[in-house]
Amino acid sequence: MKQLESKEQFQQLIDNEKVIFMFSADWCPDCRVIEPVLPELEEENPEWTFYYVDRDQFIDVCADYSIFGIPSFLAFENADEKARFVSKDRKSKEEIQAFIDEAK
């Protein structure tokens, strides 16, 4: 999974890519639980580019998109928000895949 580098990159990706952002933080235990399945999800969904967004580093982006719980996911395709899976609850591989399927 690629790492988001800047707010400008975030906007550029939204405008021009088919991208899924995973909002997370190093201190988040529920985020660590899903880490082992993320490479599988990336492999099973090659049409999407996945980016890790550090919630603490990009708190302004989180506020702009109402990301108040982590882990959370947003999907965009060419500036259009396709789906969101935003909550503070622990997520399973199946729930994340259902979110990706919704975004298609």
N, C-alpha and C. Protein backbone atom coordinates (compact mmCIF):
# COMPACT_ATOMS: atom_id res chain seq x y z
N MET A 1 0.85 -1.17 0.00
CA MET A 1 0.00 0.00 0.00
C MET A 1 0.90 1.24 0.00
N LYS A 2 0.56 2.16 -0.86
CA LYS A 2 1.34 3.40 -0.94
C LYS A 2 0.96 4.31 0.22
N GLN A 3 1.85 5.21 0.55
CA GLN A 3 1.64 6.15 1.65
C GLN A 3 1.36 7.54 1.08
N LEU A 4 0.31 8.17 1.57
CA LEU A 4 0.01 9.54 1.16
C LEU A 4 1.09 10.47 1.67
N GLU A 5 1.59 11.34 0.78
CA GLU A 5 2.70 12.23 1.12
C GLU A 5 2.27 13.66 1.43
N SER A 6 1.16 14.12 0.81
CA SER A 6 0.77 15.51 1.02
C SER A 6 -0.72 15.69 0.72
N LYS A 7 -1.26 16.80 1.22
CA LYS A 7 -2.66 17.14 0.94
C LYS A 7 -2.86 17.39 -0.56
N GLU A 8 -1.84 17.96 -1.20
CA GLU A 8 -1.92 18.22 -2.64
C GLU A 8 -1.97 16.90 -3.42
N GLN A 9 -1.20 15.93 -2.97
CA GLN A 9 -1.24 14.61 -3.61
C GLN A 9 -2.62 13.98 -3.44
N PHE A 10 -3.20 14.13 -2.27
CA PHE A 10 -4.54 13.61 -2.00
C PHE A 10 -5.53 14.14 -3.04
N GLN A 11 -5.51 15.46 -3.23
CA GLN A 11 -6.44 16.08 -4.19
C GLN A 11 -6.14 15.62 -5.62
N GLN A 12 -4.89 15.51 -5.97
CA GLN A 12 -4.51 15.06 -7.31
C GLN A 12 -4.99 13.63 -7.55
N LEU A 13 -4.84 12.77 -6.55
CA LEU A 13 -5.30 11.38 -6.68
C LEU A 13 -6.81 11.31 -6.83
N ILE A 14 -7.52 12.09 -6.03
CA ILE A 14 -8.99 12.13 -6.13
C ILE A 14 -9.42 12.53 -7.54
N ASP A 15 -8.76 13.55 -8.07
CA ASP A 15 -9.15 14.10 -9.36
C ASP A 15 -8.84 13.19 -10.54
N ASN A 16 -7.80 12.35 -10.42
CA ASN A 16 -7.29 11.66 -11.61
C ASN A 16 -7.19 10.15 -11.52
N GLU A 17 -7.50 9.55 -10.39
CA GLU A 17 -7.25 8.13 -10.21
C GLU A 17 -8.49 7.39 -9.75
N LYS A 18 -8.37 6.09 -9.80
CA LYS A 18 -9.34 5.18 -9.18
C LYS A 18 -8.65 4.70 -7.92
N VAL A 19 -8.99 5.32 -6.79
CA VAL A 19 -8.17 5.18 -5.59
C VAL A 19 -9.02 4.90 -4.35
N ILE A 20 -8.44 4.08 -3.47
CA ILE A 20 -9.04 3.82 -2.16
C ILE A 20 -8.06 4.30 -1.11
N PHE A 21 -8.57 5.14 -0.21
CA PHE A 21 -7.77 5.64 0.89
C PHE A 21 -8.15 4.89 2.16
N MET A 22 -7.15 4.40 2.87
CA MET A 22 -7.37 3.81 4.19
C MET A 22 -6.83 4.79 5.22
N PHE A 23 -7.72 5.28 6.06
CA PHE A 23 -7.34 6.20 7.13
C PHE A 23 -7.04 5.38 8.37
N SER A 24 -5.85 5.60 8.93
CA SER A 24 -5.37 4.77 10.02
C SER A 24 -4.40 5.57 10.88
N ALA A 25 -3.85 4.90 11.90
CA ALA A 25 -2.82 5.50 12.74
C ALA A 25 -2.04 4.38 13.40
N ASP A 26 -0.79 4.67 13.74
CA ASP A 26 0.07 3.67 14.35
C ASP A 26 -0.48 3.15 15.67
N TRP A 27 -1.17 3.99 16.40
CA TRP A 27 -1.65 3.64 17.74
C TRP A 27 -3.01 2.93 17.75
N CYS A 28 -3.60 2.72 16.57
CA CYS A 28 -4.96 2.17 16.45
C CYS A 28 -4.94 0.63 16.47
N PRO A 29 -5.42 -0.02 17.54
CA PRO A 29 -5.38 -1.49 17.58
C PRO A 29 -6.26 -2.16 16.52
N ASP A 30 -7.43 -1.58 16.23
CA ASP A 30 -8.30 -2.17 15.20
C ASP A 30 -7.68 -2.07 13.82
N CYS A 31 -6.85 -1.06 13.60
CA CYS A 31 -6.13 -0.92 12.33
C CYS A 31 -5.10 -2.03 12.17
N ARG A 32 -4.43 -2.36 13.27
CA ARG A 32 -3.42 -3.42 13.23
C ARG A 32 -4.05 -4.78 12.93
N VAL A 33 -5.27 -4.99 13.40
CA VAL A 33 -5.96 -6.27 13.19
C VAL A 33 -6.18 -6.54 11.70
N ILE A 34 -6.51 -5.50 10.92
CA ILE A 34 -6.81 -5.71 9.49
C ILE A 34 -5.57 -5.66 8.60
N GLU A 35 -4.43 -5.22 9.13
CA GLU A 35 -3.22 -5.10 8.31
C GLU A 35 -2.86 -6.37 7.55
N PRO A 36 -2.95 -7.57 8.16
CA PRO A 36 -2.56 -8.77 7.42
C PRO A 36 -3.41 -9.05 6.17
N VAL A 37 -4.66 -8.58 6.12
CA VAL A 37 -5.52 -8.86 4.96
C VAL A 37 -5.43 -7.79 3.88
N LEU A 38 -4.81 -6.67 4.18
CA LEU A 38 -4.76 -5.58 3.20
C LEU A 38 -4.01 -5.96 1.92
N PRO A 39 -2.86 -6.65 1.99
CA PRO A 39 -2.21 -7.06 0.74
C PRO A 39 -3.09 -7.99 -0.10
N GLU A 40 -3.86 -8.85 0.54
CA GLU A 40 -4.78 -9.72 -0.18
C GLU A 40 -5.86 -8.90 -0.89
N LEU A 41 -6.42 -7.92 -0.20
CA LEU A 41 -7.45 -7.08 -0.80
C LEU A 41 -6.89 -6.29 -1.99
N GLU A 42 -5.67 -5.80 -1.85
CA GLU A 42 -5.04 -5.10 -2.97
C GLU A 42 -4.85 -6.02 -4.17
N GLU A 43 -4.40 -7.23 -3.90
CA GLU A 43 -4.17 -8.20 -4.98
C GLU A 43 -5.48 -8.61 -5.66
N GLU A 44 -6.54 -8.73 -4.88
CA GLU A 44 -7.83 -9.16 -5.40
C GLU A 44 -8.59 -8.04 -6.10
N ASN A 45 -8.12 -6.80 -5.95
CA ASN A 45 -8.79 -5.63 -6.54
C ASN A 45 -7.78 -4.75 -7.27
N PRO A 46 -7.14 -5.29 -8.33
CA PRO A 46 -6.04 -4.56 -8.98
C PRO A 46 -6.47 -3.30 -9.73
N GLU A 47 -7.77 -3.14 -9.95
CA GLU A 47 -8.23 -1.94 -10.65
C GLU A 47 -8.15 -0.69 -9.76
N TRP A 48 -7.93 -0.88 -8.47
CA TRP A 48 -7.83 0.22 -7.51
C TRP A 48 -6.39 0.41 -7.07
N THR A 49 -6.02 1.66 -6.81
CA THR A 49 -4.75 1.97 -6.18
C THR A 49 -5.06 2.31 -4.72
N PHE A 50 -4.35 1.68 -3.80
CA PHE A 50 -4.62 1.84 -2.38
C PHE A 50 -3.57 2.76 -1.75
N TYR A 51 -4.05 3.68 -0.89
CA TYR A 51 -3.17 4.60 -0.18
C TYR A 51 -3.49 4.60 1.30
N TYR A 52 -2.43 4.55 2.09
CA TYR A 52 -2.53 4.68 3.53
C TYR A 52 -2.48 6.16 3.88
N VAL A 53 -3.44 6.62 4.68
CA VAL A 53 -3.47 8.01 5.12
C VAL A 53 -3.33 8.01 6.65
N ASP A 54 -2.23 8.56 7.13
CA ASP A 54 -2.02 8.66 8.56
C ASP A 54 -2.94 9.73 9.13
N ARG A 55 -3.87 9.30 9.97
CA ARG A 55 -4.88 10.19 10.52
C ARG A 55 -4.25 11.36 11.27
N ASP A 56 -3.17 11.12 12.00
CA ASP A 56 -2.54 12.18 12.78
C ASP A 56 -1.80 13.17 11.90
N GLN A 57 -1.23 12.70 10.81
CA GLN A 57 -0.50 13.57 9.89
C GLN A 57 -1.45 14.39 9.03
N PHE A 58 -2.63 13.84 8.73
CA PHE A 58 -3.58 14.50 7.82
C PHE A 58 -4.92 14.73 8.50
N ILE A 59 -4.88 15.29 9.71
CA ILE A 59 -6.09 15.52 10.48
C ILE A 59 -7.03 16.50 9.75
N ASP A 60 -6.47 17.43 8.98
CA ASP A 60 -7.30 18.37 8.23
C ASP A 60 -8.07 17.67 7.12
N VAL A 61 -7.45 16.70 6.45
CA VAL A 61 -8.14 15.91 5.42
C VAL A 61 -9.25 15.10 6.08
N CYS A 62 -8.95 14.52 7.23
CA CYS A 62 -9.97 13.75 7.95
C CYS A 62 -11.17 14.63 8.29
N ALA A 63 -10.91 15.83 8.77
CA ALA A 63 -12.00 16.76 9.10
C ALA A 63 -12.79 17.14 7.85
N ASP A 64 -12.08 17.41 6.75
CA ASP A 64 -12.75 17.79 5.50
C ASP A 64 -13.70 16.71 5.00
N TYR A 65 -13.37 15.44 5.26
CA TYR A 65 -14.17 14.33 4.75
C TYR A 65 -14.92 13.57 5.86
N SER A 66 -15.04 14.21 7.02
CA SER A 66 -15.79 13.65 8.15
C SER A 66 -15.31 12.25 8.54
N ILE A 67 -14.00 12.09 8.62
CA ILE A 67 -13.40 10.83 9.07
C ILE A 67 -13.11 11.00 10.56
N PHE A 68 -14.03 10.54 11.40
CA PHE A 68 -13.87 10.73 12.84
C PHE A 68 -13.59 9.43 13.56
N GLY A 69 -13.55 8.32 12.85
CA GLY A 69 -13.19 7.04 13.43
C GLY A 69 -12.27 6.31 12.48
N ILE A 70 -11.39 5.48 13.03
CA ILE A 70 -10.49 4.69 12.19
C ILE A 70 -10.49 3.25 12.67
N PRO A 71 -10.19 2.31 11.81
CA PRO A 71 -9.87 2.47 10.39
C PRO A 71 -11.11 2.83 9.58
N SER A 72 -10.91 3.68 8.59
CA SER A 72 -11.99 4.07 7.68
C SER A 72 -11.46 4.11 6.26
N PHE A 73 -12.38 4.01 5.30
CA PHE A 73 -12.01 3.92 3.89
C PHE A 73 -12.87 4.85 3.06
N LEU A 74 -12.25 5.49 2.06
CA LEU A 74 -12.96 6.27 1.04
C LEU A 74 -12.49 5.80 -0.32
N ALA A 75 -13.43 5.72 -1.27
CA ALA A 75 -13.10 5.34 -2.65
C ALA A 75 -13.50 6.48 -3.58
N PHE A 76 -12.59 6.83 -4.48
CA PHE A 76 -12.83 7.89 -5.47
C PHE A 76 -12.45 7.39 -6.85
N GLU A 77 -13.19 7.86 -7.84
CA GLU A 77 -12.81 7.63 -9.23
C GLU A 77 -13.05 8.92 -10.00
N ASN A 78 -11.97 9.52 -10.48
CA ASN A 78 -12.03 10.75 -11.27
C ASN A 78 -12.91 11.82 -10.62
N ALA A 79 -12.56 12.15 -9.37
CA ALA A 79 -13.19 13.22 -8.60
C ALA A 79 -14.58 12.87 -8.06
N ASP A 80 -15.04 11.67 -8.27
CA ASP A 80 -16.36 11.25 -7.80
C ASP A 80 -16.19 10.28 -6.63
N GLU A 81 -16.77 10.63 -5.47
CA GLU A 81 -16.73 9.71 -4.34
C GLU A 81 -17.67 8.54 -4.64
N LYS A 82 -17.09 7.35 -4.73
CA LYS A 82 -17.85 6.16 -5.10
C LYS A 82 -18.43 5.43 -3.89
N ALA A 83 -17.70 5.46 -2.77
CA ALA A 83 -18.18 4.76 -1.57
C ALA A 83 -17.38 5.24 -0.38
N ARG A 84 -17.99 5.06 0.80
CA ARG A 84 -17.29 5.35 2.04
C ARG A 84 -17.63 4.28 3.07
N PHE A 85 -16.65 3.93 3.86
CA PHE A 85 -16.81 2.95 4.94
C PHE A 85 -16.14 3.60 6.14
N VAL A 86 -16.90 4.44 6.82
CA VAL A 86 -16.36 5.30 7.85
C VAL A 86 -17.05 5.00 9.18
N SER A 87 -16.27 4.53 10.13
CA SER A 87 -16.73 4.32 11.50
C SER A 87 -15.53 4.00 12.36
N LYS A 88 -15.74 3.96 13.66
CA LYS A 88 -14.66 3.62 14.58
C LYS A 88 -14.61 2.11 14.85
N ASP A 89 -15.52 1.36 14.26
CA ASP A 89 -15.62 -0.07 14.53
C ASP A 89 -14.53 -0.87 13.83
N ARG A 90 -14.19 -2.00 14.44
CA ARG A 90 -13.27 -2.95 13.82
C ARG A 90 -13.93 -3.47 12.54
N LYS A 91 -13.12 -3.70 11.51
CA LYS A 91 -13.65 -4.14 10.22
C LYS A 91 -13.03 -5.47 9.84
N SER A 92 -13.83 -6.29 9.17
CA SER A 92 -13.35 -7.59 8.70
C SER A 92 -12.96 -7.48 7.22
N LYS A 93 -12.23 -8.47 6.75
CA LYS A 93 -11.87 -8.52 5.33
C LYS A 93 -13.13 -8.52 4.48
N GLU A 94 -14.15 -9.27 4.90
CA GLU A 94 -15.40 -9.37 4.13
C GLU A 94 -16.12 -8.02 4.07
N GLU A 95 -16.11 -7.28 5.17
CA GLU A 95 -16.75 -5.96 5.18
C GLU A 95 -16.01 -4.99 4.27
N ILE A 96 -14.69 -5.04 4.29
CA ILE A 96 -13.90 -4.15 3.42
C ILE A 96 -14.12 -4.51 1.96
N GLN A 97 -14.18 -5.81 1.65
CA GLN A 97 -14.44 -6.22 0.27
C GLN A 97 -15.82 -5.79 -0.18
N ALA A 98 -16.81 -5.85 0.70
CA ALA A 98 -18.17 -5.39 0.37
C ALA A 98 -18.15 -3.89 0.05
N PHE A 99 -17.37 -3.12 0.80
CA PHE A 99 -17.21 -1.69 0.51
C PHE A 99 -16.58 -1.49 -0.87
N ILE A 100 -15.54 -2.27 -1.19
CA ILE A 100 -14.88 -2.16 -2.49
C ILE A 100 -15.87 -2.54 -3.61
N ASP A 101 -16.64 -3.58 -3.39
CA ASP A 101 -17.63 -4.00 -4.39
C ASP A 101 -18.67 -2.90 -4.61
N GLU A 102 -19.06 -2.23 -3.55
CA GLU A 102 -20.03 -1.12 -3.65
C GLU A 102 -19.46 0.02 -4.49
N ALA A 103 -18.16 0.22 -4.39
CA ALA A 103 -17.51 1.32 -5.10
C ALA A 103 -17.40 1.09 -6.60
N LYS A 104 -17.51 -0.17 -7.01
CA LYS A 104 -17.30 -0.51 -8.44
C LYS A 104 -18.39 0.04 -9.33
